[in-house]
Protein backbone atom coordinates (compact mmCIF):
# COMPACT_ATOMS: atom_id res chain seq x y z
CA UNK A 1 -50.50 80.94 5.85
CA UNK A 2 -49.81 80.65 10.27
CA UNK A 3 -48.66 77.65 10.11
CA UNK A 4 -46.80 77.25 7.00
CA UNK A 5 -44.44 79.91 8.60
CA UNK A 6 -44.67 78.01 11.54
CA UNK A 7 -44.51 74.85 9.62
CA UNK A 8 -40.89 76.57 7.48
CA UNK A 9 -39.62 77.61 11.66
CA UNK A 10 -39.85 74.28 12.11
CA UNK A 11 -37.96 73.00 9.93
CA UNK A 12 -34.87 75.53 9.65
CA UNK A 13 -34.33 74.11 13.50
CA UNK A 14 -34.12 70.25 12.42
CA UNK A 15 -30.67 69.37 10.67
CA UNK A 16 -31.06 67.81 7.93
CA UNK A 17 -27.21 67.73 6.70
CA UNK A 18 -26.96 63.80 7.74
CA UNK A 19 -29.40 62.86 5.56
CA UNK A 20 -28.43 64.80 2.76
CA UNK A 21 -24.78 63.70 2.92
CA UNK A 22 -26.34 59.91 2.93
CA UNK A 23 -27.95 60.67 0.14
CA UNK A 24 -25.28 62.13 -1.88
CA UNK A 25 -22.76 59.29 -0.56
CA UNK A 26 -25.89 56.48 -1.88
CA UNK A 27 -27.37 58.08 -5.06
CA UNK A 28 -24.43 59.78 -6.25
CA UNK A 29 -25.49 62.15 -9.48
CA UNK A 30 -28.68 60.89 -9.54
CA UNK A 31 -29.11 62.93 -5.83
CA UNK A 32 -31.44 64.86 -4.97
CA UNK A 33 -32.27 67.94 -2.74
CA UNK A 34 -33.66 67.11 0.53
CA UNK A 35 -34.25 70.61 2.28
CA UNK A 36 -35.60 71.84 -1.05
CA UNK A 37 -37.91 68.65 -1.88
CA UNK A 38 -39.78 69.29 1.96
CA UNK A 39 -39.99 73.25 1.52
CA UNK A 40 -41.45 72.68 -1.66
CA UNK A 41 -43.64 70.22 0.66
CA UNK A 42 -44.41 72.86 2.84
CA UNK A 43 -45.36 76.04 0.55
CA UNK A 44 -48.33 73.39 -0.36
CA UNK A 45 -46.60 72.51 -4.03
CA UNK A 46 -45.64 68.77 -6.06
CA UNK A 47 -41.58 68.83 -6.67
CA UNK A 48 -42.49 65.05 -7.82
CA UNK A 49 -41.90 65.05 -11.31
CA UNK A 50 -42.69 61.31 -12.87
CA UNK A 51 -41.71 61.23 -16.22
CA UNK A 52 -37.75 63.05 -14.77
CA UNK A 53 -37.47 60.05 -11.83
CA UNK A 54 -38.67 57.22 -14.72
CA UNK A 55 -36.18 58.48 -16.92
CA UNK A 56 -32.95 58.52 -14.75
CA UNK A 57 -33.94 54.97 -14.01
CA UNK A 58 -34.58 53.82 -16.97
CA UNK A 59 -30.68 55.40 -18.14
CA UNK A 60 -28.99 52.96 -15.34
CA UNK A 61 -31.01 50.27 -16.37
CA UNK A 62 -30.38 51.29 -20.03
CA UNK A 63 -26.50 51.45 -18.63
CA UNK A 64 -26.34 48.28 -17.42
CA UNK A 65 -27.68 46.38 -19.83
CA UNK A 66 -24.80 47.44 -21.87
CA UNK A 67 -22.34 46.37 -19.45
CA UNK A 68 -23.42 43.07 -19.47
CA UNK A 69 -24.78 42.19 -22.76
CA UNK A 70 -21.32 41.12 -23.88
CA UNK A 71 -21.10 38.89 -20.99
CA UNK A 72 -24.96 37.20 -21.81
CA UNK A 73 -23.44 36.43 -25.47
CA UNK A 74 -20.24 34.67 -24.41
CA UNK A 75 -22.22 33.12 -21.59
CA UNK A 76 -24.45 31.68 -24.61
CA UNK A 77 -21.15 31.13 -26.97
CA UNK A 78 -19.94 28.77 -24.09
CA UNK A 79 -23.94 26.88 -23.54
CA UNK A 80 -23.26 25.78 -27.73
CA UNK A 81 -19.93 25.21 -28.21
CA UNK A 82 -20.46 22.27 -24.80
CA UNK A 83 -23.95 21.14 -26.15
CA UNK A 84 -22.17 20.40 -29.56
CA UNK A 85 -18.52 18.64 -28.21
CA UNK A 86 -21.28 16.81 -25.82
CA UNK A 87 -23.04 15.78 -28.98
CA UNK A 88 -20.52 15.13 -31.27
CA UNK A 89 -18.22 13.48 -28.54
CA UNK A 90 -21.37 11.16 -27.95
CA UNK A 91 -21.60 9.95 -31.44
CA UNK A 92 -17.69 9.85 -32.72
CA UNK A 93 -16.29 7.93 -29.32
CA UNK A 94 -19.87 6.90 -26.81
CA UNK A 95 -20.66 8.01 -23.07
CA UNK A 96 -17.27 8.33 -21.71
CA UNK A 97 -16.46 10.53 -24.08
CA UNK A 98 -19.34 12.76 -23.75
CA UNK A 99 -19.91 13.78 -19.80
CA UNK A 100 -15.82 14.13 -19.71
CA UNK A 101 -16.62 17.09 -22.38
CA UNK A 102 -19.77 17.70 -20.39
CA UNK A 103 -17.75 18.05 -16.98
CA UNK A 104 -15.25 19.97 -18.97
CA UNK A 105 -17.65 22.50 -19.64
CA UNK A 106 -19.36 22.23 -17.06
CA UNK A 107 -16.89 23.24 -14.29
CA UNK A 108 -16.24 26.34 -16.57
CA UNK A 109 -20.23 27.21 -16.43
CA UNK A 110 -19.26 26.46 -12.92
CA UNK A 111 -17.12 28.85 -12.01
CA UNK A 112 -19.26 31.77 -14.76
CA UNK A 113 -22.06 31.27 -12.45
CA UNK A 114 -20.45 31.58 -8.79
CA UNK A 115 -18.80 34.72 -10.23
CA UNK A 116 -22.07 36.27 -11.47
CA UNK A 117 -24.13 35.16 -8.61
CA UNK A 118 -21.36 36.78 -6.44
CA UNK A 119 -21.77 39.82 -7.96
CA UNK A 120 -25.70 39.83 -7.82
CA UNK A 121 -25.92 38.79 -4.18
CA UNK A 122 -23.26 42.16 -3.71
CA UNK A 123 -25.65 44.53 -4.58
CA UNK A 124 -27.67 42.87 -3.22
CA UNK A 125 -26.24 43.75 0.47
CA UNK A 126 -25.30 46.59 -0.53
CA UNK A 127 -28.48 48.01 -1.33
CA UNK A 128 -29.74 46.79 1.87
CA UNK A 129 -26.81 48.55 3.94
CA UNK A 130 -26.95 51.41 2.10
CA UNK A 131 -30.99 51.25 3.40
CA UNK A 132 -30.25 50.62 6.56
CA UNK A 133 -27.35 53.89 6.68
CA UNK A 134 -30.32 56.11 5.61
CA UNK A 135 -32.78 55.38 8.11
CA UNK A 136 -30.18 55.48 10.42
CA UNK A 137 -29.58 59.57 9.89
CA UNK A 138 -33.27 60.29 8.58
CA UNK A 139 -34.84 58.44 11.46
CA UNK A 140 -33.77 61.94 13.94
CA UNK A 141 -35.29 64.31 11.64
CA UNK A 142 -38.58 62.20 11.07
CA UNK A 143 -39.10 62.23 14.90
CA UNK A 144 -38.20 65.31 16.08
CA UNK A 145 -40.56 66.60 13.30
CA UNK A 146 -42.48 64.06 15.19
CA UNK A 147 -42.02 65.88 18.14
CA UNK A 148 -44.42 68.99 17.62
CA UNK A 149 -47.14 67.41 17.25
CA UNK A 150 -47.56 64.58 19.07
CA UNK A 151 -45.50 64.67 21.97
CA UNK A 152 -41.89 62.57 23.13
CA UNK A 153 -44.34 59.79 23.64
CA UNK A 154 -45.56 58.29 20.90
CA UNK A 155 -42.36 59.36 18.70
CA UNK A 156 -40.29 57.47 21.04
CA UNK A 157 -42.48 54.85 21.08
CA UNK A 158 -42.37 54.61 16.92
CA UNK A 159 -38.45 55.75 17.37
CA UNK A 160 -38.21 51.99 19.25
CA UNK A 161 -39.84 50.06 16.84
CA UNK A 162 -37.71 52.24 14.02
CA UNK A 163 -34.74 50.26 15.65
CA UNK A 164 -35.83 46.83 16.63
CA UNK A 165 -36.76 47.03 12.71
CA UNK A 166 -33.49 48.25 11.40
CA UNK A 167 -31.72 45.42 13.90
CA UNK A 168 -34.27 42.67 12.16
CA UNK A 169 -33.34 43.59 8.38
CA UNK A 170 -29.62 43.77 9.25
CA UNK A 171 -30.10 40.43 11.62
CA UNK A 172 -32.53 38.54 9.34
CA UNK A 173 -32.05 39.80 6.17
CA UNK A 174 -28.63 40.13 5.96
CA UNK A 175 -26.61 38.05 8.05
CA UNK A 176 -29.34 35.38 7.80
CA UNK A 177 -31.19 34.81 4.87
CA UNK A 178 -28.68 36.07 1.91
CA UNK A 179 -26.54 33.56 3.16
CA UNK A 180 -29.04 30.91 2.76
CA UNK A 181 -30.16 31.93 -0.95
CA UNK A 182 -25.86 31.22 -1.51
CA UNK A 183 -26.18 28.57 -0.19
CA UNK A 184 -29.46 27.10 -1.85
CA UNK A 185 -27.78 28.15 -5.64
CA UNK A 186 -24.62 26.53 -4.80
CA UNK A 187 -26.11 23.43 -3.89
CA UNK A 188 -28.79 22.88 -6.52
CA UNK A 189 -24.92 23.67 -8.77
CA UNK A 190 -22.76 20.59 -7.11
CA UNK A 191 -26.77 18.82 -7.71
CA UNK A 192 -25.72 18.92 -11.78
CA UNK A 193 -22.53 17.22 -11.62
CA UNK A 194 -24.11 13.94 -11.66
CA UNK A 195 -26.91 12.88 -13.11
CA UNK A 196 -28.30 11.52 -9.58
CA UNK A 197 -29.46 14.57 -7.96
CA UNK A 198 -28.37 14.24 -3.92
CA UNK A 199 -29.56 17.93 -2.81
CA UNK A 200 -32.57 18.54 -3.95
CA UNK A 201 -34.14 18.73 -0.51
CA UNK A 202 -31.68 19.85 0.80
CA UNK A 203 -31.91 23.10 -1.20
CA UNK A 204 -35.56 23.33 -1.30
CA UNK A 205 -36.23 23.02 2.09
CA UNK A 206 -33.80 26.19 2.44
CA UNK A 207 -35.91 27.76 -0.30
CA UNK A 208 -39.01 27.12 1.16
CA UNK A 209 -37.91 28.50 5.03
CA UNK A 210 -36.32 31.54 3.35
CA UNK A 211 -39.87 32.52 1.65
CA UNK A 212 -41.38 31.07 5.35
CA UNK A 213 -39.17 33.85 7.05
CA UNK A 214 -39.52 36.61 4.84
CA UNK A 215 -43.33 36.17 5.26
CA UNK A 216 -43.96 35.54 9.13
CA UNK A 217 -41.22 39.20 9.43
CA UNK A 218 -43.34 41.10 6.97
CA UNK A 219 -46.58 40.23 8.49
CA UNK A 220 -45.50 40.28 12.60
CA UNK A 221 -44.14 43.59 12.00
CA UNK A 222 -46.40 45.44 10.11
CA UNK A 223 -49.09 43.70 12.04
CA UNK A 224 -47.25 45.28 15.14
CA UNK A 225 -46.77 48.95 12.98
CA UNK A 226 -50.81 49.16 12.89
CA UNK A 227 -51.88 47.96 16.37
CA UNK A 228 -49.49 50.72 17.49
CA UNK A 229 -50.42 53.24 15.43
CA UNK A 230 -54.43 51.90 16.52
CA UNK A 231 -53.28 52.75 20.14
CA UNK A 232 -50.00 54.60 20.59
CA UNK A 233 -51.92 58.35 19.18
CA UNK A 234 -55.01 58.08 20.80
CA UNK A 235 -53.50 59.57 24.53
CA UNK A 236 -51.38 62.34 22.37
CA UNK A 237 -54.76 62.65 20.72
CA UNK A 238 -56.22 63.41 23.67
CA UNK A 239 -53.55 65.88 25.52
CA UNK A 240 -53.43 67.78 22.58
CA UNK A 241 -57.08 68.08 23.30
CA UNK A 242 -57.25 69.45 26.31
CA UNK A 243 -54.15 71.61 25.37
CA UNK A 244 -56.03 73.36 23.23
CA UNK A 245 -58.92 73.42 25.56
CA UNK A 246 -56.54 74.65 28.46
CA UNK A 247 -55.66 77.27 26.20
CA UNK A 248 -58.65 79.15 25.06
CA UNK A 249 -59.67 79.07 28.39
CA UNK A 250 -57.47 82.12 29.69
CA UNK A 251 -59.33 84.58 30.02
CA UNK A 252 -58.31 87.26 27.73
CA UNK A 253 -55.49 85.99 26.08
CA UNK A 254 -57.72 82.19 25.43
CA UNK A 255 -58.75 82.29 21.70
CA UNK A 256 -55.45 83.90 21.37
CA UNK A 257 -53.14 81.54 23.36
CA UNK A 258 -55.83 78.52 21.55
CA UNK A 259 -55.12 79.68 17.35
CA UNK A 260 -51.14 79.26 18.35
CA UNK A 261 -50.94 76.37 19.75
CA UNK A 262 -53.39 74.90 16.89
CA UNK A 263 -51.55 76.56 14.14
CA UNK A 264 -47.93 75.20 15.76
CA UNK A 265 -50.00 71.26 16.19
CA UNK A 266 -50.97 71.95 12.38
CA UNK A 267 -47.82 73.32 11.18
CA UNK A 268 -45.94 70.16 13.36
CA UNK A 269 -48.21 67.89 11.57
CA UNK A 270 -47.64 68.82 7.72
CA UNK A 271 -43.50 69.49 8.34
CA UNK A 272 -43.65 65.28 10.28
CA UNK A 273 -45.55 64.92 6.41
CA UNK A 274 -43.11 66.61 4.09
CA UNK A 275 -40.39 64.67 5.91
CA UNK A 276 -41.88 60.97 5.97
CA UNK A 277 -43.25 61.52 1.75
CA UNK A 278 -39.81 62.88 0.86
CA UNK A 279 -38.07 59.52 3.04
CA UNK A 280 -40.64 57.26 0.71
CA UNK A 281 -38.85 58.56 -2.13
CA UNK A 282 -35.00 58.64 -0.95
CA UNK A 283 -35.84 55.35 -0.27
CA UNK A 284 -37.79 54.27 -3.34
CA UNK A 285 -34.99 55.58 -5.62
CA UNK A 286 -31.92 53.62 -3.34
CA UNK A 287 -33.43 50.69 -4.01
CA UNK A 288 -35.48 50.82 -7.95
CA UNK A 289 -32.24 50.96 -9.87
CA UNK A 290 -31.03 47.57 -7.50
CA UNK A 291 -34.63 45.96 -8.15
CA UNK A 292 -35.13 46.18 -11.19
CA UNK A 293 -31.54 45.24 -12.14
CA UNK A 294 -32.07 42.47 -10.05
CA UNK A 295 -35.23 41.24 -11.90
CA UNK A 296 -33.82 42.45 -15.64
CA UNK A 297 -31.06 39.26 -14.61
CA UNK A 298 -33.68 37.44 -13.97
CA UNK A 299 -35.24 37.25 -17.05
CA UNK A 300 -31.86 37.75 -18.93
CA UNK A 301 -31.12 34.09 -17.63
CA UNK A 302 -34.71 32.41 -18.32
CA UNK A 303 -34.17 34.06 -21.75
CA UNK A 304 -31.16 32.45 -22.20
CA UNK A 305 -32.81 29.23 -20.56
CA UNK A 306 -35.68 29.28 -23.58
CA UNK A 307 -33.01 30.12 -25.99
CA UNK A 308 -30.21 26.85 -25.79
CA UNK A 309 -33.28 24.45 -23.84
CA UNK A 310 -33.79 22.44 -27.46
CA UNK A 311 -29.51 21.61 -28.29
CA UNK A 312 -28.04 21.64 -25.01
CA UNK A 313 -27.77 19.52 -21.89
CA UNK A 314 -30.48 18.97 -19.23
CA UNK A 315 -28.21 19.93 -16.08
CA UNK A 316 -27.32 22.69 -17.78
CA UNK A 317 -30.71 24.18 -18.40
CA UNK A 318 -31.71 23.25 -14.66
CA UNK A 319 -27.69 25.38 -13.57
CA UNK A 320 -30.41 28.07 -15.16
CA UNK A 321 -32.95 27.59 -13.87
CA UNK A 322 -31.22 27.43 -10.10
CA UNK A 323 -30.00 31.23 -11.05
CA UNK A 324 -33.27 32.26 -12.25
CA UNK A 325 -34.79 31.28 -8.92
CA UNK A 326 -31.96 32.05 -6.21
CA UNK A 327 -32.39 35.89 -7.97
CA UNK A 328 -36.11 35.60 -7.70
CA UNK A 329 -35.16 34.83 -4.07
CA UNK A 330 -32.66 38.39 -3.60
CA UNK A 331 -35.07 39.93 -5.76
CA UNK A 332 -38.18 39.45 -2.73
CA UNK A 333 -35.82 40.03 0.57
CA UNK A 334 -34.16 43.80 -0.91
CA UNK A 335 -38.25 44.11 -2.30
CA UNK A 336 -39.26 43.22 1.39
CA UNK A 337 -36.48 44.95 2.92
CA UNK A 338 -37.43 48.36 1.32
CA UNK A 339 -41.72 48.11 1.91
CA UNK A 340 -41.11 47.19 5.43
CA UNK A 341 -39.76 50.96 5.85
CA UNK A 342 -41.89 52.15 3.53
CA UNK A 343 -44.73 50.84 4.65
CA UNK A 344 -43.55 51.82 8.00
CA UNK A 345 -43.15 55.43 7.50
CA UNK A 346 -46.77 55.56 5.73
CA UNK A 347 -48.62 54.33 9.00
CA UNK A 348 -46.64 56.34 11.09
CA UNK A 349 -47.77 58.79 9.32
CA UNK A 350 -51.39 58.42 8.41
CA UNK A 351 -52.47 56.70 12.24
CA UNK A 352 -50.57 60.08 13.80
């Protein structure tokens, strides 16, 4: 069809080398061809293979479980040994020896928990940084394709909003919320050094502030995005309608020019939507495996706590609870960062 040929010509004029290079760098062996994906979309094909995508995610998840299996077994073994030492010391020597045995085991667990959570936080931070790097190279290709169908005015408005969103994710999610979750986790660990809880309220305050900040940011960003999508494209639509009408009014060649103009506008819209769909799939692939790994971490720590609770000290169980809650906050932060960009692309594509 004519508009498909025009769409292919438009896409050939848009450079995607940086986008593909960034995908290869982030995804490695699991990367997919951004250009081929869009070319198939422009031809009316559906290149999404849910089965292959699910297999890649599942294989990555199994690989992570195999790597962490020995760590979880050692963690259970240390907790059980600590429980045995603490209970026997309490029976034979009294409370003071039992407390000494508990602190010895707890300091070992403290170092293990701190190291493990540092690695988990680093993975969450790297995921958000990679997401921002990809969006920075995707935005020029996406908004150039939007220019062909919407004009420079609408494109500049959406591009400025995307830059604001990148700044918000970098400044608030990465530089403020991730350190806040680290502080919450450390306060919860330190809080178990004594039988009296000294930092419970401080930790709960930090946790509640992180949750409130995430809800507020997500609501504000999506609200602005929807309002902008309802208002900004209207002027562009009026300009396009006027352009087509003026073109068709030219004597002799008006109908030809009008049909060509309509074909170019439709082709630009097709390219824009194809780039948007490919961008959404890429964002999903970047964040899917890290999010699943975070969820597996949370489930494993929760399962270990459930298994050892009958024989372990209550303070150790609360440490596992702190780890579970902290990982849950990390899941929410990474998921919110991904959803901000996915929903923004969806709203921009649908509203324009």
